[in-house]
Amino acid sequence: MTKKNRIESDGAKLARGGRPSGLKPGREELVRLYADESRSIREIAEIFGSKKDTVHYWLKKYGIFARNNASRSRLRNISLGEIEKKIRELGIRGYARELGVAEGTVRHHLKVRRAKITA
């Protein structure tokens, strides 16, 4: 059995030709690690002994969309009146801590929402 035809126990094959890049991840294995187990691209690269760019390449090649790192602020779902009420009670810093966001995020939402009302 040659090195390039050997199948590893985790379902990945050794890459052929070019620069040595560790194991070639199979589609099912990538879906399991990336989508089901929510592992990071760096963790997956470490598992396969390759670089994160290689994992990105295979995700794209298999049609697996990369997760978005940005998350929406919790303040988007809270009315302006409720935000202002809580700020009067706790202050901006206290309310930001309660929500688990930065003070600047609370200030930004106040500024943007008040501008929308006056516009």
C-alpha atoms as a PDB file:
ATOM      1  CA  MET A   1       0.000   0.000   0.000  1.00  0.00           C
ATOM      2  CA  THR A   2       1.513   3.314  -1.063  1.00  0.00           C
ATOM      3  CA  LYS A   3       1.643   6.393   1.092  1.00  0.00           C
ATOM      4  CA  LYS A   4      -0.675   8.422  -1.160  1.00  0.00           C
ATOM      5  CA  ASN A   5      -3.404   5.749  -1.229  1.00  0.00           C
ATOM      6  CA  ARG A   6      -3.441   4.984   2.479  1.00  0.00           C
ATOM      7  CA  ILE A   7      -6.632   5.994   4.279  1.00  0.00           C
ATOM      8  CA  GLU A   8      -6.217   7.114   7.873  1.00  0.00           C
ATOM      9  CA  SER A   9      -8.554   5.967  10.610  1.00  0.00           C
ATOM     10  CA  ASP A  10     -10.295   9.372  10.783  1.00  0.00           C
ATOM     11  CA  GLY A  11     -11.334   9.257   7.112  1.00  0.00           C
ATOM     12  CA  ALA A  12      -8.663  11.632   5.805  1.00  0.00           C
ATOM     13  CA  LYS A  13      -6.221  10.832   3.032  1.00  0.00           C
ATOM     14  CA  LEU A  14      -2.632  11.922   2.714  1.00  0.00           C
ATOM     15  CA  ALA A  15      -2.256  14.773   0.239  1.00  0.00           C
ATOM     16  CA  ARG A  16      -0.518  14.013  -3.068  1.00  0.00           C
ATOM     17  CA  GLY A  17       2.089  16.110  -4.840  1.00  0.00           C
ATOM     18  CA  GLY A  18       3.140  19.699  -4.179  1.00  0.00           C
ATOM     19  CA  ARG A  19       4.289  20.807  -0.797  1.00  0.00           C
ATOM     20  CA  PRO A  20       3.719  18.436   2.080  1.00  0.00           C
ATOM     21  CA  SER A  21       0.601  19.651   3.848  1.00  0.00           C
ATOM     22  CA  GLY A  22      -0.313  16.887   6.236  1.00  0.00           C
ATOM     23  CA  LEU A  23      -3.612  15.098   5.896  1.00  0.00           C
ATOM     24  CA  LYS A  24      -6.267  16.026   3.347  1.00  0.00           C
ATOM     25  CA  PRO A  25      -9.514  16.410   5.297  1.00  0.00           C
ATOM     26  CA  GLY A  26     -12.571  14.618   3.984  1.00  0.00           C
ATOM     27  CA  ARG A  27     -15.845  16.510   3.576  1.00  0.00           C
ATOM     28  CA  GLU A  28     -17.662  14.535   6.277  1.00  0.00           C
ATOM     29  CA  GLU A  29     -14.790  15.019   8.694  1.00  0.00           C
ATOM     30  CA  LEU A  30     -14.737  18.777   8.081  1.00  0.00           C
ATOM     31  CA  VAL A  31     -18.501  19.048   8.551  1.00  0.00           C
ATOM     32  CA  ARG A  32     -18.259  17.094  11.795  1.00  0.00           C
ATOM     33  CA  LEU A  33     -15.391  19.143  13.207  1.00  0.00           C
ATOM     34  CA  TYR A  34     -16.334  22.592  11.898  1.00  0.00           C
ATOM     35  CA  ALA A  35     -20.130  22.615  11.808  1.00  0.00           C
ATOM     36  CA  ASP A  36     -21.197  19.973  14.330  1.00  0.00           C
ATOM     37  CA  GLU A  37     -18.466  20.380  16.967  1.00  0.00           C
ATOM     38  CA  SER A  38     -17.887  24.122  16.264  1.00  0.00           C
ATOM     39  CA  ARG A  39     -14.117  23.692  16.258  1.00  0.00           C
ATOM     40  CA  SER A  40     -12.018  26.618  15.066  1.00  0.00           C
ATOM     41  CA  ILE A  41     -10.142  26.513  11.779  1.00  0.00           C
ATOM     42  CA  ARG A  42      -6.866  26.628  13.715  1.00  0.00           C
ATOM     43  CA  GLU A  43      -7.904  23.602  15.793  1.00  0.00           C
ATOM     44  CA  ILE A  44      -8.849  21.666  12.669  1.00  0.00           C
ATOM     45  CA  ALA A  45      -5.541  22.579  11.030  1.00  0.00           C
ATOM     46  CA  GLU A  46      -3.713  21.295  14.100  1.00  0.00           C
ATOM     47  CA  ILE A  47      -5.668  18.023  13.992  1.00  0.00           C
ATOM     48  CA  PHE A  48      -4.740  17.434  10.343  1.00  0.00           C
ATOM     49  CA  GLY A  49      -1.188  18.728  10.709  1.00  0.00           C
ATOM     50  CA  SER A  50      -1.747  21.411   8.094  1.00  0.00           C
ATOM     51  CA  LYS A  51      -2.015  25.183   7.944  1.00  0.00           C
ATOM     52  CA  LYS A  52      -5.199  27.170   8.504  1.00  0.00           C
ATOM     53  CA  ASP A  53      -5.081  28.348   4.891  1.00  0.00           C
ATOM     54  CA  THR A  54      -5.286  24.729   3.773  1.00  0.00           C
ATOM     55  CA  VAL A  55      -8.389  24.186   5.920  1.00  0.00           C
ATOM     56  CA  HIS A  56      -9.947  27.350   4.424  1.00  0.00           C
ATOM     57  CA  TYR A  57      -9.189  25.994   0.957  1.00  0.00           C
ATOM     58  CA  TRP A  58     -10.925  22.669   1.647  1.00  0.00           C
ATOM     59  CA  LEU A  59     -13.914  24.338   3.311  1.00  0.00           C
ATOM     60  CA  LYS A  60     -14.372  26.448   0.177  1.00  0.00           C
ATOM     61  CA  LYS A  61     -13.755  23.504  -2.166  1.00  0.00           C
ATOM     62  CA  TYR A  62     -16.356  21.358  -0.357  1.00  0.00           C
ATOM     63  CA  GLY A  63     -18.871  24.229  -0.276  1.00  0.00           C
ATOM     64  CA  ILE A  64     -18.869  24.567   3.519  1.00  0.00           C
ATOM     65  CA  PHE A  65     -19.419  28.211   4.387  1.00  0.00           C
ATOM     66  CA  ALA A  66     -17.158  29.776   6.979  1.00  0.00           C
ATOM     67  CA  ARG A  67     -18.826  31.054  10.128  1.00  0.00           C
ATOM     68  CA  ASN A  68     -19.107  34.782  10.608  1.00  0.00           C
ATOM     69  CA  ASN A  69     -17.057  36.047  13.534  1.00  0.00           C
ATOM     70  CA  ALA A  70     -19.192  39.115  14.084  1.00  0.00           C
ATOM     71  CA  SER A  71     -22.182  38.752  16.321  1.00  0.00           C
ATOM     72  CA  ARG A  72     -25.096  41.132  16.607  1.00  0.00           C
ATOM     73  CA  SER A  73     -25.332  43.224  19.747  1.00  0.00           C
ATOM     74  CA  ARG A  74     -27.984  42.281  22.269  1.00  0.00           C
ATOM     75  CA  LEU A  75     -29.037  45.926  22.297  1.00  0.00           C
ATOM     76  CA  ARG A  76     -30.641  45.560  18.867  1.00  0.00           C
ATOM     77  CA  ASN A  77     -33.548  43.656  20.409  1.00  0.00           C
ATOM     78  CA  ILE A  78     -34.170  46.155  23.241  1.00  0.00           C
ATOM     79  CA  SER A  79     -36.305  49.260  22.721  1.00  0.00           C
ATOM     80  CA  LEU A  80     -34.758  52.709  23.137  1.00  0.00           C
ATOM     81  CA  GLY A  81     -37.126  53.471  26.015  1.00  0.00           C
ATOM     82  CA  GLU A  82     -36.057  50.339  27.885  1.00  0.00           C
ATOM     83  CA  ILE A  83     -32.374  51.133  27.342  1.00  0.00           C
ATOM     84  CA  GLU A  84     -32.813  54.679  28.655  1.00  0.00           C
ATOM     85  CA  LYS A  85     -34.780  53.415  31.678  1.00  0.00           C
ATOM     86  CA  LYS A  86     -32.052  50.900  32.593  1.00  0.00           C
ATOM     87  CA  ILE A  87     -29.341  53.543  32.144  1.00  0.00           C
ATOM     88  CA  ARG A  88     -31.178  55.841  34.587  1.00  0.00           C
ATOM     89  CA  GLU A  89     -31.286  52.958  37.088  1.00  0.00           C
ATOM     90  CA  LEU A  90     -27.805  51.455  36.652  1.00  0.00           C
ATOM     91  CA  GLY A  91     -25.800  53.988  34.688  1.00  0.00           C
ATOM     92  CA  ILE A  92     -24.145  53.236  31.360  1.00  0.00           C
ATOM     93  CA  ARG A  93     -21.326  51.262  32.931  1.00  0.00           C
ATOM     94  CA  GLY A  94     -23.645  49.164  35.117  1.00  0.00           C
ATOM     95  CA  TYR A  95     -26.049  48.456  32.258  1.00  0.00           C
ATOM     96  CA  ALA A  96     -23.167  47.528  29.939  1.00  0.00           C
ATOM     97  CA  ARG A  97     -21.868  45.084  32.554  1.00  0.00           C
ATOM     98  CA  GLU A  98     -25.342  43.582  32.975  1.00  0.00           C
ATOM     99  CA  LEU A  99     -25.592  43.011  29.206  1.00  0.00           C
ATOM    100  CA  GLY A 100     -21.998  41.834  28.875  1.00  0.00           C
ATOM    101  CA  VAL A 101     -21.112  44.495  26.288  1.00  0.00           C
ATOM    102  CA  ALA A 102     -18.688  47.407  26.250  1.00  0.00           C
ATOM    103  CA  GLU A 103     -19.755  50.857  27.434  1.00  0.00           C
ATOM    104  CA  GLY A 104     -18.950  52.172  23.967  1.00  0.00           C
ATOM    105  CA  THR A 105     -21.496  49.770  22.486  1.00  0.00           C
ATOM    106  CA  VAL A 106     -24.245  51.150  24.716  1.00  0.00           C
ATOM    107  CA  ARG A 107     -23.225  54.743  23.891  1.00  0.00           C
ATOM    108  CA  HIS A 108     -23.157  53.940  20.169  1.00  0.00           C
ATOM    109  CA  HIS A 109     -26.655  52.435  20.215  1.00  0.00           C
ATOM    110  CA  LEU A 110     -28.017  55.446  22.077  1.00  0.00           C
ATOM    111  CA  LYS A 111     -26.429  57.846  19.592  1.00  0.00           C
ATOM    112  CA  VAL A 112     -27.592  55.961  16.488  1.00  0.00           C
ATOM    113  CA  ARG A 113     -31.126  55.358  17.721  1.00  0.00           C
ATOM    114  CA  ARG A 114     -31.621  58.947  18.890  1.00  0.00           C
ATOM    115  CA  ALA A 115     -30.372  60.168  15.501  1.00  0.00           C
ATOM    116  CA  LYS A 116     -32.947  57.978  13.736  1.00  0.00           C
ATOM    117  CA  ILE A 117     -35.751  59.516  15.810  1.00  0.00           C
ATOM    118  CA  THR A 118     -34.741  63.114  15.028  1.00  0.00           C
ATOM    119  CA  ALA A 119     -34.115  62.411  11.321  1.00  0.00           C
END
